[in-house]
Amino acid sequence: MFVIVTYDVNAKRDPKVMKTLRKYLTHEQRSVFEGLITPGRLKHLKEELKRIVDVSEGCINIYSLETLRYSQKESIGKQVYHGNIL
């Protein structure tokens, strides 16, 4: 499946969330990751994130697409964060 993960967390938790997400997905923008992932790995990712994030101070959104058949990605403008932090 293909997932898009966005997050807005406490600044002290941000590096931990980013490091965890990088193990599973591609860093697209400041707080956005995306990529193909198996259901099992997605489950592990969610478990790791739940241990890191204080839900009273931030949130993580996970959008899952079973297929990319009818999807399309369009980017307008310079890709500042495409896999690497500049």
C-alpha atoms as a PDB file:
ATOM      1  CA  MET A   1       0.000   0.000   0.000  1.00  0.00           C
ATOM      2  CA  PHE A   2       1.031   3.631  -0.424  1.00  0.00           C
ATOM      3  CA  VAL A   3       0.941   5.958   2.576  1.00  0.00           C
ATOM      4  CA  ILE A   4       1.382   9.655   3.173  1.00  0.00           C
ATOM      5  CA  VAL A   5       2.288  10.677   6.708  1.00  0.00           C
ATOM      6  CA  THR A   6       2.091  14.236   7.994  1.00  0.00           C
ATOM      7  CA  TYR A   7       2.912  15.338  11.497  1.00  0.00           C
ATOM      8  CA  ASP A   8       2.912  18.320  13.823  1.00  0.00           C
ATOM      9  CA  VAL A   9       4.619  17.490  17.111  1.00  0.00           C
ATOM     10  CA  ASN A  10       6.462  19.172  19.948  1.00  0.00           C
ATOM     11  CA  ALA A  11       9.855  20.498  18.786  1.00  0.00           C
ATOM     12  CA  LYS A  12      11.775  18.196  21.137  1.00  0.00           C
ATOM     13  CA  ARG A  13       9.979  15.147  19.661  1.00  0.00           C
ATOM     14  CA  ASP A  14      10.441  16.214  16.025  1.00  0.00           C
ATOM     15  CA  PRO A  15      13.909  14.645  15.510  1.00  0.00           C
ATOM     16  CA  LYS A  16      12.730  11.316  16.947  1.00  0.00           C
ATOM     17  CA  VAL A  17       9.624  11.256  14.755  1.00  0.00           C
ATOM     18  CA  MET A  18      11.658  12.178  11.674  1.00  0.00           C
ATOM     19  CA  LYS A  19      14.272   9.501  12.370  1.00  0.00           C
ATOM     20  CA  THR A  20      11.587   6.862  12.815  1.00  0.00           C
ATOM     21  CA  LEU A  21       9.719   7.825   9.647  1.00  0.00           C
ATOM     22  CA  ARG A  22      12.957   7.792   7.617  1.00  0.00           C
ATOM     23  CA  LYS A  23      13.369   4.096   8.418  1.00  0.00           C
ATOM     24  CA  TYR A  24      10.153   3.328   6.548  1.00  0.00           C
ATOM     25  CA  LEU A  25       9.332   6.136   4.078  1.00  0.00           C
ATOM     26  CA  THR A  26      10.764   8.904   1.890  1.00  0.00           C
ATOM     27  CA  HIS A  27      11.044  12.434   3.290  1.00  0.00           C
ATOM     28  CA  GLU A  28       9.163  14.710   0.893  1.00  0.00           C
ATOM     29  CA  GLN A  29       8.723  18.016   2.728  1.00  0.00           C
ATOM     30  CA  ARG A  30       9.275  19.420   6.221  1.00  0.00           C
ATOM     31  CA  SER A  31       6.713  17.258   8.002  1.00  0.00           C
ATOM     32  CA  VAL A  32       5.613  14.996   5.151  1.00  0.00           C
ATOM     33  CA  PHE A  33       6.735  11.468   4.335  1.00  0.00           C
ATOM     34  CA  GLU A  34       5.409   9.079   1.709  1.00  0.00           C
ATOM     35  CA  GLY A  35       6.062   5.710   0.162  1.00  0.00           C
ATOM     36  CA  LEU A  36       5.129   2.098  -0.391  1.00  0.00           C
ATOM     37  CA  ILE A  37       4.908  -0.018   2.749  1.00  0.00           C
ATOM     38  CA  THR A  38       3.554  -3.423   3.682  1.00  0.00           C
ATOM     39  CA  PRO A  39       0.713  -3.661   6.197  1.00  0.00           C
ATOM     40  CA  GLY A  40       3.071  -5.364   8.645  1.00  0.00           C
ATOM     41  CA  ARG A  41       5.702  -2.629   8.434  1.00  0.00           C
ATOM     42  CA  LEU A  42       2.982   0.015   8.726  1.00  0.00           C
ATOM     43  CA  LYS A  43       1.838  -1.638  11.951  1.00  0.00           C
ATOM     44  CA  HIS A  44       5.400  -1.505  13.323  1.00  0.00           C
ATOM     45  CA  LEU A  45       5.730   2.136  12.261  1.00  0.00           C
ATOM     46  CA  LYS A  46       2.517   3.061  14.077  1.00  0.00           C
ATOM     47  CA  GLU A  47       3.673   1.258  17.227  1.00  0.00           C
ATOM     48  CA  GLU A  48       6.994   3.132  17.191  1.00  0.00           C
ATOM     49  CA  LEU A  49       5.289   6.490  16.653  1.00  0.00           C
ATOM     50  CA  LYS A  50       2.823   5.880  19.486  1.00  0.00           C
ATOM     51  CA  ARG A  51       5.763   5.404  21.867  1.00  0.00           C
ATOM     52  CA  ILE A  52       7.357   8.696  20.765  1.00  0.00           C
ATOM     53  CA  VAL A  53       4.493  11.154  20.380  1.00  0.00           C
ATOM     54  CA  ASP A  54       2.638  12.747  23.275  1.00  0.00           C
ATOM     55  CA  VAL A  55      -0.885  12.949  21.838  1.00  0.00           C
ATOM     56  CA  SER A  56      -1.714  15.914  24.066  1.00  0.00           C
ATOM     57  CA  GLU A  57       1.021  17.962  22.335  1.00  0.00           C
ATOM     58  CA  GLY A  58       0.861  16.897  18.703  1.00  0.00           C
ATOM     59  CA  CYS A  59      -0.554  14.598  16.067  1.00  0.00           C
ATOM     60  CA  ILE A  60       0.387  12.332  13.201  1.00  0.00           C
ATOM     61  CA  ASN A  61      -1.890  11.801  10.200  1.00  0.00           C
ATOM     62  CA  ILE A  62      -1.559   8.664   8.082  1.00  0.00           C
ATOM     63  CA  TYR A  63      -3.310   8.495   4.715  1.00  0.00           C
ATOM     64  CA  SER A  64      -3.409   4.991   3.194  1.00  0.00           C
ATOM     65  CA  LEU A  65      -4.098   4.182  -0.444  1.00  0.00           C
ATOM     66  CA  GLU A  66      -4.591   0.535  -1.357  1.00  0.00           C
ATOM     67  CA  THR A  67      -3.734   1.246  -4.983  1.00  0.00           C
ATOM     68  CA  LEU A  68      -2.177   4.095  -6.933  1.00  0.00           C
ATOM     69  CA  ARG A  69      -4.161   3.189 -10.043  1.00  0.00           C
ATOM     70  CA  TYR A  70      -6.369   6.282 -10.002  1.00  0.00           C
ATOM     71  CA  SER A  71      -4.003   8.617  -8.189  1.00  0.00           C
ATOM     72  CA  GLN A  72      -1.724  11.303  -9.477  1.00  0.00           C
ATOM     73  CA  LYS A  73       0.883  13.506  -7.862  1.00  0.00           C
ATOM     74  CA  GLU A  74       1.537  16.975  -9.159  1.00  0.00           C
ATOM     75  CA  SER A  75       4.153  19.287  -7.700  1.00  0.00           C
ATOM     76  CA  ILE A  76       4.206  23.004  -8.361  1.00  0.00           C
ATOM     77  CA  GLY A  77       7.380  24.855  -7.480  1.00  0.00           C
ATOM     78  CA  LYS A  78      10.811  23.849  -6.301  1.00  0.00           C
ATOM     79  CA  GLN A  79      11.067  20.627  -4.317  1.00  0.00           C
ATOM     80  CA  VAL A  80      13.026  21.832  -1.294  1.00  0.00           C
ATOM     81  CA  TYR A  81      12.846  18.573   0.619  1.00  0.00           C
ATOM     82  CA  HIS A  82      13.057  15.548  -1.624  1.00  0.00           C
ATOM     83  CA  GLY A  83      14.602  12.759   0.365  1.00  0.00           C
ATOM     84  CA  ASN A  84      17.130  14.982   2.097  1.00  0.00           C
ATOM     85  CA  ILE A  85      17.072  17.908   4.461  1.00  0.00           C
ATOM     86  CA  LEU A  86      18.819  20.895   2.957  1.00  0.00           C
END
